[in-house]
Amino acid sequence: AGVQLVDSLNGLVVMYACGSIFCYFLIIGYMRSLPVELFEAAKIDGAG
């Protein structure tokens, strides 16, 4: 209400974006199974 997003579809989007936490837990569990060497090799090649 303070940012005038009540009764707004964009306000609903902001609310549902909080579901990113659930996404984070599933994604990080999957990412831990990946070889970290791939990321380190990309960094060595100069990638940000």
ModelCIF file with pLDDT and N, C-alpha, C, O atoms, coordinates in Angstrom:
data_MODEL
#
_entry.id   MODEL 
#
_entity.id                         1 
_entity.type                       polymer 
_entity.pdbx_number_of_molecules   1 
#
_entity_poly.entity_id                      1 
_entity_poly.type                           'polypeptide(L)' 
_entity_poly.nstd_linkage                   no 
_entity_poly.nstd_monomer                   no 
_entity_poly.pdbx_seq_one_letter_code       AGVQLVDSLNGLVVMYACGSIFCYFLIIGYMRSLPVELFEAAKIDGAG 
_entity_poly.pdbx_seq_one_letter_code_can   AGVQLVDSLNGLVVMYACGSIFCYFLIIGYMRSLPVELFEAAKIDGAG 
_entity_poly.pdbx_strand_id                 A 
#
loop_
_entity_poly_seq.entity_id 
_entity_poly_seq.num 
_entity_poly_seq.mon_id 
_entity_poly_seq.hetero 
1 1  ALA n 
1 2  GLY n 
1 3  VAL n 
1 4  GLN n 
1 5  LEU n 
1 6  VAL n 
1 7  ASP n 
1 8  SER n 
1 9  LEU n 
1 10 ASN n 
1 11 GLY n 
1 12 LEU n 
1 13 VAL n 
1 14 VAL n 
1 15 MET n 
1 16 TYR n 
1 17 ALA n 
1 18 CYS n 
1 19 GLY n 
1 20 SER n 
1 21 ILE n 
1 22 PHE n 
1 23 CYS n 
1 24 TYR n 
1 25 PHE n 
1 26 LEU n 
1 27 ILE n 
1 28 ILE n 
1 29 GLY n 
1 30 TYR n 
1 31 MET n 
1 32 ARG n 
1 33 SER n 
1 34 LEU n 
1 35 PRO n 
1 36 VAL n 
1 37 GLU n 
1 38 LEU n 
1 39 PHE n 
1 40 GLU n 
1 41 ALA n 
1 42 ALA n 
1 43 LYS n 
1 44 ILE n 
1 45 ASP n 
1 46 GLY n 
1 47 ALA n 
1 48 GLY n 
#
_struct_asym.id          A 
_struct_asym.entity_id   1 
#
loop_
_ma_qa_metric.id 
_ma_qa_metric.mode 
_ma_qa_metric.name 
_ma_qa_metric.software_group_id 
_ma_qa_metric.type 
1 global pLDDT . pLDDT 
2 local  pLDDT . pLDDT 
#
_ma_qa_metric_global.metric_id      1 
_ma_qa_metric_global.metric_value   87.46 
_ma_qa_metric_global.model_id       1 
_ma_qa_metric_global.ordinal_id     1 
#
loop_
_ma_qa_metric_local.label_asym_id 
_ma_qa_metric_local.label_comp_id 
_ma_qa_metric_local.label_seq_id 
_ma_qa_metric_local.metric_id 
_ma_qa_metric_local.metric_value 
_ma_qa_metric_local.model_id 
_ma_qa_metric_local.ordinal_id 
A ALA 1  2 90.00 1 1  
A GLY 2  2 90.00 1 2  
A VAL 3  2 91.00 1 3  
A GLN 4  2 90.00 1 4  
A LEU 5  2 91.00 1 5  
A VAL 6  2 92.00 1 6  
A ASP 7  2 92.00 1 7  
A SER 8  2 93.00 1 8  
A LEU 9  2 94.00 1 9  
A ASN 10 2 94.00 1 10 
A GLY 11 2 93.00 1 11 
A LEU 12 2 94.00 1 12 
A VAL 13 2 95.00 1 13 
A VAL 14 2 92.00 1 14 
A MET 15 2 91.00 1 15 
A TYR 16 2 93.00 1 16 
A ALA 17 2 91.00 1 17 
A CYS 18 2 85.00 1 18 
A GLY 19 2 85.00 1 19 
A SER 20 2 88.00 1 20 
A ILE 21 2 86.00 1 21 
A PHE 22 2 87.00 1 22 
A CYS 23 2 90.00 1 23 
A TYR 24 2 89.00 1 24 
A PHE 25 2 87.00 1 25 
A LEU 26 2 87.00 1 26 
A ILE 27 2 90.00 1 27 
A ILE 28 2 88.00 1 28 
A GLY 29 2 85.00 1 29 
A TYR 30 2 87.00 1 30 
A MET 31 2 88.00 1 31 
A ARG 32 2 85.00 1 32 
A SER 33 2 84.00 1 33 
A LEU 34 2 85.00 1 34 
A PRO 35 2 84.00 1 35 
A VAL 36 2 80.00 1 36 
A GLU 37 2 82.00 1 37 
A LEU 38 2 83.00 1 38 
A PHE 39 2 84.00 1 39 
A GLU 40 2 81.00 1 40 
A ALA 41 2 85.00 1 41 
A ALA 42 2 84.00 1 42 
A LYS 43 2 83.00 1 43 
A ILE 44 2 82.00 1 44 
A ASP 45 2 81.00 1 45 
A GLY 46 2 82.00 1 46 
A ALA 47 2 81.00 1 47 
A GLY 48 2 84.00 1 48 
#
loop_
_atom_site.group_PDB 
_atom_site.id 
_atom_site.type_symbol 
_atom_site.label_atom_id 
_atom_site.label_alt_id 
_atom_site.label_comp_id 
_atom_site.label_asym_id 
_atom_site.label_entity_id 
_atom_site.label_seq_id 
_atom_site.pdbx_PDB_ins_code 
_atom_site.Cartn_x 
_atom_site.Cartn_y 
_atom_site.Cartn_z 
_atom_site.occupancy 
_atom_site.B_iso_or_equiv 
_atom_site.pdbx_formal_charge 
_atom_site.auth_seq_id 
_atom_site.auth_comp_id 
_atom_site.auth_asym_id 
_atom_site.auth_atom_id 
_atom_site.pdbx_PDB_model_num 
ATOM 1   N N  . ALA A 1 1  ? 0.834  -1.207  0.000   1.00 90.00 ? 1  ALA A N  1 
ATOM 2   C CA . ALA A 1 1  ? 0.000  0.000   0.000   1.00 90.00 ? 1  ALA A CA 1 
ATOM 3   C C  . ALA A 1 1  ? 0.870  1.259   0.000   1.00 90.00 ? 1  ALA A C  1 
ATOM 4   O O  . ALA A 1 1  ? 0.501  2.268   -0.601  1.00 90.00 ? 1  ALA A O  1 
ATOM 5   N N  . GLY A 1 2  ? 2.017  1.202   0.670   1.00 90.00 ? 2  GLY A N  1 
ATOM 6   C CA . GLY A 1 2  ? 2.913  2.347   0.724   1.00 90.00 ? 2  GLY A CA 1 
ATOM 7   C C  . GLY A 1 2  ? 3.510  2.693   -0.619  1.00 90.00 ? 2  GLY A C  1 
ATOM 8   O O  . GLY A 1 2  ? 3.848  3.852   -0.860  1.00 90.00 ? 2  GLY A O  1 
ATOM 9   N N  . VAL A 1 3  ? 3.651  1.708   -1.511  1.00 91.00 ? 3  VAL A N  1 
ATOM 10  C CA . VAL A 1 3  ? 4.198  1.970   -2.847  1.00 91.00 ? 3  VAL A CA 1 
ATOM 11  C C  . VAL A 1 3  ? 3.114  1.872   -3.919  1.00 91.00 ? 3  VAL A C  1 
ATOM 12  O O  . VAL A 1 3  ? 3.415  1.782   -5.110  1.00 91.00 ? 3  VAL A O  1 
ATOM 13  N N  . GLN A 1 4  ? 1.847  1.890   -3.488  1.00 90.00 ? 4  GLN A N  1 
ATOM 14  C CA . GLN A 1 4  ? 0.683  1.920   -4.381  1.00 90.00 ? 4  GLN A CA 1 
ATOM 15  C C  . GLN A 1 4  ? 0.646  0.711   -5.328  1.00 90.00 ? 4  GLN A C  1 
ATOM 16  O O  . GLN A 1 4  ? 0.390  0.851   -6.524  1.00 90.00 ? 4  GLN A O  1 
ATOM 17  N N  . LEU A 1 5  ? 0.901  -0.449  -4.779  1.00 91.00 ? 5  LEU A N  1 
ATOM 18  C CA . LEU A 1 5  ? 0.825  -1.675  -5.577  1.00 91.00 ? 5  LEU A CA 1 
ATOM 19  C C  . LEU A 1 5  ? -0.302 -2.598  -5.142  1.00 91.00 ? 5  LEU A C  1 
ATOM 20  O O  . LEU A 1 5  ? -0.436 -3.706  -5.661  1.00 91.00 ? 5  LEU A O  1 
ATOM 21  N N  . VAL A 1 6  ? -1.128 -2.138  -4.173  1.00 92.00 ? 6  VAL A N  1 
ATOM 22  C CA . VAL A 1 6  ? -2.321 -2.902  -3.814  1.00 92.00 ? 6  VAL A CA 1 
ATOM 23  C C  . VAL A 1 6  ? -3.356 -2.731  -4.924  1.00 92.00 ? 6  VAL A C  1 
ATOM 24  O O  . VAL A 1 6  ? -3.448 -1.663  -5.531  1.00 92.00 ? 6  VAL A O  1 
ATOM 25  N N  . ASP A 1 7  ? -4.128 -3.774  -5.187  1.00 92.00 ? 7  ASP A N  1 
ATOM 26  C CA . ASP A 1 7  ? -5.104 -3.787  -6.279  1.00 92.00 ? 7  ASP A CA 1 
ATOM 27  C C  . ASP A 1 7  ? -4.414 -3.558  -7.620  1.00 92.00 ? 7  ASP A C  1 
ATOM 28  O O  . ASP A 1 7  ? -4.884 -2.784  -8.453  1.00 92.00 ? 7  ASP A O  1 
ATOM 29  N N  . SER A 1 8  ? -3.296 -4.244  -7.808  1.00 93.00 ? 8  SER A N  1 
ATOM 30  C CA . SER A 1 8  ? -2.510 -4.119  -9.033  1.00 93.00 ? 8  SER A CA 1 
ATOM 31  C C  . SER A 1 8  ? -1.952 -5.487  -9.405  1.00 93.00 ? 8  SER A C  1 
ATOM 32  O O  . SER A 1 8  ? -1.513 -6.242  -8.537  1.00 93.00 ? 8  SER A O  1 
ATOM 33  N N  . LEU A 1 9  ? -1.969 -5.800  -10.687 1.00 94.00 ? 9  LEU A N  1 
ATOM 34  C CA . LEU A 1 9  ? -1.398 -7.062  -11.138 1.00 94.00 ? 9  LEU A CA 1 
ATOM 35  C C  . LEU A 1 9  ? 0.110  -7.090  -10.898 1.00 94.00 ? 9  LEU A C  1 
ATOM 36  O O  . LEU A 1 9  ? 0.677  -8.141  -10.599 1.00 94.00 ? 9  LEU A O  1 
ATOM 37  N N  . ASN A 1 10 ? 0.751  -5.938  -11.030 1.00 94.00 ? 10 ASN A N  1 
ATOM 38  C CA . ASN A 1 10 ? 2.186  -5.879  -10.750 1.00 94.00 ? 10 ASN A CA 1 
ATOM 39  C C  . ASN A 1 10 ? 2.473  -6.116  -9.272  1.00 94.00 ? 10 ASN A C  1 
ATOM 40  O O  . ASN A 1 10 ? 3.517  -6.658  -8.911  1.00 94.00 ? 10 ASN A O  1 
ATOM 41  N N  . GLY A 1 11 ? 1.533  -5.703  -8.418  1.00 93.00 ? 11 GLY A N  1 
ATOM 42  C CA . GLY A 1 11 ? 1.677  -6.000  -6.998  1.00 93.00 ? 11 GLY A CA 1 
ATOM 43  C C  . GLY A 1 11 ? 1.640  -7.495  -6.736  1.00 93.00 ? 11 GLY A C  1 
ATOM 44  O O  . GLY A 1 11 ? 2.389  -8.003  -5.901  1.00 93.00 ? 11 GLY A O  1 
ATOM 45  N N  . LEU A 1 12 ? 0.755  -8.213  -7.461  1.00 94.00 ? 12 LEU A N  1 
ATOM 46  C CA . LEU A 1 12 ? 0.724  -9.675  -7.340  1.00 94.00 ? 12 LEU A CA 1 
ATOM 47  C C  . LEU A 1 12 ? 2.043  -10.288 -7.800  1.00 94.00 ? 12 LEU A C  1 
ATOM 48  O O  . LEU A 1 12 ? 2.540  -11.240 -7.198  1.00 94.00 ? 12 LEU A O  1 
ATOM 49  N N  . VAL A 1 13 ? 2.601  -9.734  -8.866  1.00 95.00 ? 13 VAL A N  1 
ATOM 50  C CA . VAL A 1 13 ? 3.882  -10.238 -9.363  1.00 95.00 ? 13 VAL A CA 1 
ATOM 51  C C  . VAL A 1 13 ? 4.961  -10.086 -8.295  1.00 95.00 ? 13 VAL A C  1 
ATOM 52  O O  . VAL A 1 13 ? 5.764  -10.994 -8.079  1.00 95.00 ? 13 VAL A O  1 
ATOM 53  N N  . VAL A 1 14 ? 4.974  -8.936  -7.632  1.00 92.00 ? 14 VAL A N  1 
ATOM 54  C CA . VAL A 1 14 ? 5.950  -8.705  -6.559  1.00 92.00 ? 14 VAL A CA 1 
ATOM 55  C C  . VAL A 1 14 ? 5.762  -9.726  -5.443  1.00 92.00 ? 14 VAL A C  1 
ATOM 56  O O  . VAL A 1 14 ? 6.737  -10.264 -4.918  1.00 92.00 ? 14 VAL A O  1 
ATOM 57  N N  . MET A 1 15 ? 4.510  -9.990  -5.083  1.00 91.00 ? 15 MET A N  1 
ATOM 58  C CA . MET A 1 15 ? 4.239  -10.952 -4.022  1.00 91.00 ? 15 MET A CA 1 
ATOM 59  C C  . MET A 1 15 ? 4.718  -12.353 -4.411  1.00 91.00 ? 15 MET A C  1 
ATOM 60  O O  . MET A 1 15 ? 5.363  -13.040 -3.619  1.00 91.00 ? 15 MET A O  1 
ATOM 61  N N  . TYR A 1 16 ? 4.397  -12.761 -5.629  1.00 93.00 ? 16 TYR A N  1 
ATOM 62  C CA . TYR A 1 16 ? 4.790  -14.105 -6.054  1.00 93.00 ? 16 TYR A CA 1 
ATOM 63  C C  . TYR A 1 16 ? 6.296  -14.227 -6.259  1.00 93.00 ? 16 TYR A C  1 
ATOM 64  O O  . TYR A 1 16 ? 6.845  -15.326 -6.178  1.00 93.00 ? 16 TYR A O  1 
ATOM 65  N N  . ALA A 1 17 ? 6.960  -13.121 -6.522  1.00 91.00 ? 17 ALA A N  1 
ATOM 66  C CA . ALA A 1 17 ? 8.409  -13.156 -6.672  1.00 91.00 ? 17 ALA A CA 1 
ATOM 67  C C  . ALA A 1 17 ? 9.091  -13.619 -5.394  1.00 91.00 ? 17 ALA A C  1 
ATOM 68  O O  . ALA A 1 17 ? 10.231 -14.081 -5.424  1.00 91.00 ? 17 ALA A O  1 
ATOM 69  N N  . CYS A 1 18 ? 8.391  -13.496 -4.268  1.00 85.00 ? 18 CYS A N  1 
ATOM 70  C CA . CYS A 1 18 ? 8.939  -14.010 -3.006  1.00 85.00 ? 18 CYS A CA 1 
ATOM 71  C C  . CYS A 1 18 ? 9.100  -15.528 -3.046  1.00 85.00 ? 18 CYS A C  1 
ATOM 72  O O  . CYS A 1 18 ? 9.844  -16.096 -2.246  1.00 85.00 ? 18 CYS A O  1 
ATOM 73  N N  . GLY A 1 19 ? 8.405  -16.184 -3.974  1.00 85.00 ? 19 GLY A N  1 
ATOM 74  C CA . GLY A 1 19 ? 8.574  -17.626 -4.141  1.00 85.00 ? 19 GLY A CA 1 
ATOM 75  C C  . GLY A 1 19 ? 9.946  -18.005 -4.661  1.00 85.00 ? 19 GLY A C  1 
ATOM 76  O O  . GLY A 1 19 ? 10.245 -19.189 -4.814  1.00 85.00 ? 19 GLY A O  1 
ATOM 77  N N  . SER A 1 20 ? 10.791 -17.008 -4.936  1.00 88.00 ? 20 SER A N  1 
ATOM 78  C CA . SER A 1 20 ? 12.163 -17.275 -5.364  1.00 88.00 ? 20 SER A CA 1 
ATOM 79  C C  . SER A 1 20 ? 12.918 -18.079 -4.317  1.00 88.00 ? 20 SER A C  1 
ATOM 80  O O  . SER A 1 20 ? 13.871 -18.787 -4.642  1.00 88.00 ? 20 SER A O  1 
ATOM 81  N N  . ILE A 1 21 ? 12.494 -17.971 -3.055  1.00 86.00 ? 21 ILE A N  1 
ATOM 82  C CA . ILE A 1 21 ? 13.182 -18.713 -1.991  1.00 86.00 ? 21 ILE A CA 1 
ATOM 83  C C  . ILE A 1 21 ? 13.055 -20.221 -2.219  1.00 86.00 ? 21 ILE A C  1 
ATOM 84  O O  . ILE A 1 21 ? 14.030 -20.959 -2.080  1.00 86.00 ? 21 ILE A O  1 
ATOM 85  N N  . PHE A 1 22 ? 11.853 -20.670 -2.568  1.00 87.00 ? 22 PHE A N  1 
ATOM 86  C CA . PHE A 1 22 ? 11.640 -22.090 -2.871  1.00 87.00 ? 22 PHE A CA 1 
ATOM 87  C C  . PHE A 1 22 ? 12.487 -22.502 -4.074  1.00 87.00 ? 22 PHE A C  1 
ATOM 88  O O  . PHE A 1 22 ? 13.098 -23.571 -4.080  1.00 87.00 ? 22 PHE A O  1 
ATOM 89  N N  . CYS A 1 23 ? 12.516 -21.636 -5.096  1.00 90.00 ? 23 CYS A N  1 
ATOM 90  C CA . CYS A 1 23 ? 13.334 -21.919 -6.276  1.00 90.00 ? 23 CYS A CA 1 
ATOM 91  C C  . CYS A 1 23 ? 14.802 -22.040 -5.900  1.00 90.00 ? 23 CYS A C  1 
ATOM 92  O O  . CYS A 1 23 ? 15.508 -22.920 -6.393  1.00 90.00 ? 23 CYS A O  1 
ATOM 93  N N  . TYR A 1 24 ? 15.253 -21.157 -5.027  1.00 89.00 ? 24 TYR A N  1 
ATOM 94  C CA . TYR A 1 24 ? 16.655 -21.155 -4.599  1.00 89.00 ? 24 TYR A CA 1 
ATOM 95  C C  . TYR A 1 24 ? 17.048 -22.504 -3.999  1.00 89.00 ? 24 TYR A C  1 
ATOM 96  O O  . TYR A 1 24 ? 18.100 -23.042 -4.345  1.00 89.00 ? 24 TYR A O  1 
ATOM 97  N N  . PHE A 1 25 ? 16.240 -23.052 -3.121  1.00 87.00 ? 25 PHE A N  1 
ATOM 98  C CA . PHE A 1 25 ? 16.604 -24.288 -2.439  1.00 87.00 ? 25 PHE A CA 1 
ATOM 99  C C  . PHE A 1 25 ? 16.671 -25.477 -3.400  1.00 87.00 ? 25 PHE A C  1 
ATOM 100 O O  . PHE A 1 25 ? 17.552 -26.327 -3.270  1.00 87.00 ? 25 PHE A O  1 
ATOM 101 N N  . LEU A 1 26 ? 15.753 -25.542 -4.354  1.00 87.00 ? 26 LEU A N  1 
ATOM 102 C CA . LEU A 1 26 ? 15.808 -26.641 -5.315  1.00 87.00 ? 26 LEU A CA 1 
ATOM 103 C C  . LEU A 1 26 ? 16.977 -26.473 -6.279  1.00 87.00 ? 26 LEU A C  1 
ATOM 104 O O  . LEU A 1 26 ? 17.656 -27.440 -6.625  1.00 87.00 ? 26 LEU A O  1 
ATOM 105 N N  . ILE A 1 27 ? 17.203 -25.229 -6.709  1.00 90.00 ? 27 ILE A N  1 
ATOM 106 C CA . ILE A 1 27 ? 18.257 -24.990 -7.697  1.00 90.00 ? 27 ILE A CA 1 
ATOM 107 C C  . ILE A 1 27 ? 19.643 -25.202 -7.098  1.00 90.00 ? 27 ILE A C  1 
ATOM 108 O O  . ILE A 1 27 ? 20.507 -25.802 -7.736  1.00 90.00 ? 27 ILE A O  1 
ATOM 109 N N  . ILE A 1 28 ? 19.860 -24.716 -5.885  1.00 88.00 ? 28 ILE A N  1 
ATOM 110 C CA . ILE A 1 28 ? 21.200 -24.857 -5.301  1.00 88.00 ? 28 ILE A CA 1 
ATOM 111 C C  . ILE A 1 28 ? 21.507 -26.323 -5.008  1.00 88.00 ? 28 ILE A C  1 
ATOM 112 O O  . ILE A 1 28 ? 22.664 -26.737 -5.085  1.00 88.00 ? 28 ILE A O  1 
ATOM 113 N N  . GLY A 1 29 ? 20.489 -27.110 -4.676  1.00 85.00 ? 29 GLY A N  1 
ATOM 114 C CA . GLY A 1 29 ? 20.719 -28.543 -4.491  1.00 85.00 ? 29 GLY A CA 1 
ATOM 115 C C  . GLY A 1 29 ? 21.165 -29.208 -5.787  1.00 85.00 ? 29 GLY A C  1 
ATOM 116 O O  . GLY A 1 29 ? 22.011 -30.102 -5.780  1.00 85.00 ? 29 GLY A O  1 
ATOM 117 N N  . TYR A 1 30 ? 20.588 -28.764 -6.890  1.00 87.00 ? 30 TYR A N  1 
ATOM 118 C CA . TYR A 1 30 ? 20.981 -29.301 -8.204  1.00 87.00 ? 30 TYR A CA 1 
ATOM 119 C C  . TYR A 1 30 ? 22.370 -28.811 -8.600  1.00 87.00 ? 30 TYR A C  1 
ATOM 120 O O  . TYR A 1 30 ? 23.176 -29.574 -9.133  1.00 87.00 ? 30 TYR A O  1 
ATOM 121 N N  . MET A 1 31 ? 22.646 -27.524 -8.334  1.00 88.00 ? 31 MET A N  1 
ATOM 122 C CA . MET A 1 31 ? 23.926 -26.941 -8.747  1.00 88.00 ? 31 MET A CA 1 
ATOM 123 C C  . MET A 1 31 ? 25.098 -27.560 -7.997  1.00 88.00 ? 31 MET A C  1 
ATOM 124 O O  . MET A 1 31 ? 26.209 -27.627 -8.522  1.00 88.00 ? 31 MET A O  1 
ATOM 125 N N  . ARG A 1 32 ? 24.851 -28.013 -6.766  1.00 85.00 ? 32 ARG A N  1 
ATOM 126 C CA . ARG A 1 32 ? 25.937 -28.631 -5.999  1.00 85.00 ? 32 ARG A CA 1 
ATOM 127 C C  . ARG A 1 32 ? 26.401 -29.947 -6.622  1.00 85.00 ? 32 ARG A C  1 
ATOM 128 O O  . ARG A 1 32 ? 27.489 -30.433 -6.314  1.00 85.00 ? 32 ARG A O  1 
ATOM 129 N N  . SER A 1 33 ? 25.579 -30.519 -7.492  1.00 84.00 ? 33 SER A N  1 
ATOM 130 C CA . SER A 1 33 ? 25.970 -31.759 -8.159  1.00 84.00 ? 33 SER A CA 1 
ATOM 131 C C  . SER A 1 33 ? 26.818 -31.496 -9.398  1.00 84.00 ? 33 SER A C  1 
ATOM 132 O O  . SER A 1 33 ? 27.339 -32.434 -10.000 1.00 84.00 ? 33 SER A O  1 
ATOM 133 N N  . LEU A 1 34 ? 26.960 -30.233 -9.783  1.00 85.00 ? 34 LEU A N  1 
ATOM 134 C CA . LEU A 1 34 ? 27.744 -29.895 -10.970 1.00 85.00 ? 34 LEU A CA 1 
ATOM 135 C C  . LEU A 1 34 ? 29.223 -29.755 -10.603 1.00 85.00 ? 34 LEU A C  1 
ATOM 136 O O  . LEU A 1 34 ? 29.544 -29.370 -9.478  1.00 85.00 ? 34 LEU A O  1 
ATOM 137 N N  . PRO A 1 35 ? 30.113 -30.059 -11.524 1.00 84.00 ? 35 PRO A N  1 
ATOM 138 C CA . PRO A 1 35 ? 31.546 -29.886 -11.250 1.00 84.00 ? 35 PRO A CA 1 
ATOM 139 C C  . PRO A 1 35 ? 31.913 -28.405 -11.168 1.00 84.00 ? 35 PRO A C  1 
ATOM 140 O O  . PRO A 1 35 ? 31.689 -27.651 -12.115 1.00 84.00 ? 35 PRO A O  1 
ATOM 141 N N  . VAL A 1 36 ? 32.474 -27.997 -10.038 1.00 80.00 ? 36 VAL A N  1 
ATOM 142 C CA . VAL A 1 36 ? 32.853 -26.602 -9.833  1.00 80.00 ? 36 VAL A CA 1 
ATOM 143 C C  . VAL A 1 36 ? 33.970 -26.193 -10.787 1.00 80.00 ? 36 VAL A C  1 
ATOM 144 O O  . VAL A 1 36 ? 34.145 -25.005 -11.057 1.00 80.00 ? 36 VAL A O  1 
ATOM 145 N N  . GLU A 1 37 ? 34.725 -27.159 -11.300 1.00 82.00 ? 37 GLU A N  1 
ATOM 146 C CA . GLU A 1 37 ? 35.831 -26.856 -12.206 1.00 82.00 ? 37 GLU A CA 1 
ATOM 147 C C  . GLU A 1 37 ? 35.365 -26.112 -13.450 1.00 82.00 ? 37 GLU A C  1 
ATOM 148 O O  . GLU A 1 37 ? 36.118 -25.331 -14.030 1.00 82.00 ? 37 GLU A O  1 
ATOM 149 N N  . LEU A 1 38 ? 34.106 -26.358 -13.865 1.00 83.00 ? 38 LEU A N  1 
ATOM 150 C CA . LEU A 1 38 ? 33.581 -25.657 -15.040 1.00 83.00 ? 38 LEU A CA 1 
ATOM 151 C C  . LEU A 1 38 ? 33.525 -24.155 -14.797 1.00 83.00 ? 38 LEU A C  1 
ATOM 152 O O  . LEU A 1 38 ? 33.899 -23.368 -15.667 1.00 83.00 ? 38 LEU A O  1 
ATOM 153 N N  . PHE A 1 39 ? 33.060 -23.759 -13.617 1.00 84.00 ? 39 PHE A N  1 
ATOM 154 C CA . PHE A 1 39 ? 32.982 -22.335 -13.295 1.00 84.00 ? 39 PHE A CA 1 
ATOM 155 C C  . PHE A 1 39 ? 34.384 -21.737 -13.145 1.00 84.00 ? 39 PHE A C  1 
ATOM 156 O O  . PHE A 1 39 ? 34.644 -20.620 -13.591 1.00 84.00 ? 39 PHE A O  1 
ATOM 157 N N  . GLU A 1 40 ? 35.284 -22.500 -12.509 1.00 81.00 ? 40 GLU A N  1 
ATOM 158 C CA . GLU A 1 40 ? 36.638 -21.997 -12.311 1.00 81.00 ? 40 GLU A CA 1 
ATOM 159 C C  . GLU A 1 40 ? 37.376 -21.854 -13.637 1.00 81.00 ? 40 GLU A C  1 
ATOM 160 O O  . GLU A 1 40 ? 38.163 -20.925 -13.816 1.00 81.00 ? 40 GLU A O  1 
ATOM 161 N N  . ALA A 1 41 ? 37.121 -22.780 -14.571 1.00 85.00 ? 41 ALA A N  1 
ATOM 162 C CA . ALA A 1 41 ? 37.765 -22.689 -15.886 1.00 85.00 ? 41 ALA A CA 1 
ATOM 163 C C  . ALA A 1 41 ? 37.295 -21.450 -16.640 1.00 85.00 ? 41 ALA A C  1 
ATOM 164 O O  . ALA A 1 41 ? 38.082 -20.782 -17.310 1.00 85.00 ? 41 ALA A O  1 
ATOM 165 N N  . ALA A 1 42 ? 35.996 -21.153 -16.523 1.00 84.00 ? 42 ALA A N  1 
ATOM 166 C CA . ALA A 1 42 ? 35.475 -19.951 -17.183 1.00 84.00 ? 42 ALA A CA 1 
ATOM 167 C C  . ALA A 1 42 ? 36.082 -18.690 -16.582 1.00 84.00 ? 42 ALA A C  1 
ATOM 168 O O  . ALA A 1 42 ? 36.361 -17.733 -17.304 1.00 84.00 ? 42 ALA A O  1 
ATOM 169 N N  . LYS A 1 43 ? 36.291 -18.679 -15.261 1.00 83.00 ? 43 LYS A N  1 
ATOM 170 C CA . LYS A 1 43 ? 36.925 -17.522 -14.619 1.00 83.00 ? 43 LYS A CA 1 
ATOM 171 C C  . LYS A 1 43 ? 38.370 -17.353 -15.093 1.00 83.00 ? 43 LYS A C  1 
ATOM 172 O O  . LYS A 1 43 ? 38.823 -16.233 -15.330 1.00 83.00 ? 43 LYS A O  1 
ATOM 173 N N  . ILE A 1 44 ? 39.089 -18.467 -15.229 1.00 82.00 ? 44 ILE A N  1 
ATOM 174 C CA . ILE A 1 44 ? 40.473 -18.405 -15.691 1.00 82.00 ? 44 ILE A CA 1 
ATOM 175 C C  . ILE A 1 44 ? 40.552 -17.844 -17.106 1.00 82.00 ? 44 ILE A C  1 
ATOM 176 O O  . ILE A 1 44 ? 41.505 -17.150 -17.463 1.00 82.00 ? 44 ILE A O  1 
ATOM 177 N N  . ASP A 1 45 ? 39.530 -18.157 -17.909 1.00 81.00 ? 45 ASP A N  1 
ATOM 178 C CA . ASP A 1 45 ? 39.490 -17.638 -19.280 1.00 81.00 ? 45 ASP A CA 1 
ATOM 179 C C  . ASP A 1 45 ? 39.111 -16.164 -19.343 1.00 81.00 ? 45 ASP A C  1 
ATOM 180 O O  . ASP A 1 45 ? 39.070 -15.573 -20.422 1.00 81.00 ? 45 ASP A O  1 
ATOM 181 N N  . GLY A 1 46 ? 38.836 -15.574 -18.184 1.00 82.00 ? 46 GLY A N  1 
ATOM 182 C CA . GLY A 1 46 ? 38.566 -14.145 -18.145 1.00 82.00 ? 46 GLY A CA 1 
ATOM 183 C C  . GLY A 1 46 ? 37.101 -13.774 -18.055 1.00 82.00 ? 46 GLY A C  1 
ATOM 184 O O  . GLY A 1 46 ? 36.768 -12.592 -18.139 1.00 82.00 ? 46 GLY A O  1 
ATOM 185 N N  . ALA A 1 47 ? 36.223 -14.731 -17.888 1.00 81.00 ? 47 ALA A N  1 
ATOM 186 C CA . ALA A 1 47 ? 34.796 -14.432 -17.801 1.00 81.00 ? 47 ALA A CA 1 
ATOM 187 C C  . ALA A 1 47 ? 34.456 -13.868 -16.424 1.00 81.00 ? 47 ALA A C  1 
ATOM 188 O O  . ALA A 1 47 ? 34.955 -14.341 -15.402 1.00 81.00 ? 47 ALA A O  1 
ATOM 189 N N  . GLY A 1 48 ? 33.601 -12.854 -16.416 1.00 84.00 ? 48 GLY A N  1 
ATOM 190 C CA . GLY A 1 48 ? 33.143 -12.296 -15.158 1.00 84.00 ? 48 GLY A CA 1 
ATOM 191 C C  . GLY A 1 48 ? 32.077 -13.170 -14.527 1.00 84.00 ? 48 GLY A C  1 
ATOM 192 O O  . GLY A 1 48 ? 31.572 -12.849 -13.451 1.00 84.00 ? 48 GLY A O  1 
#
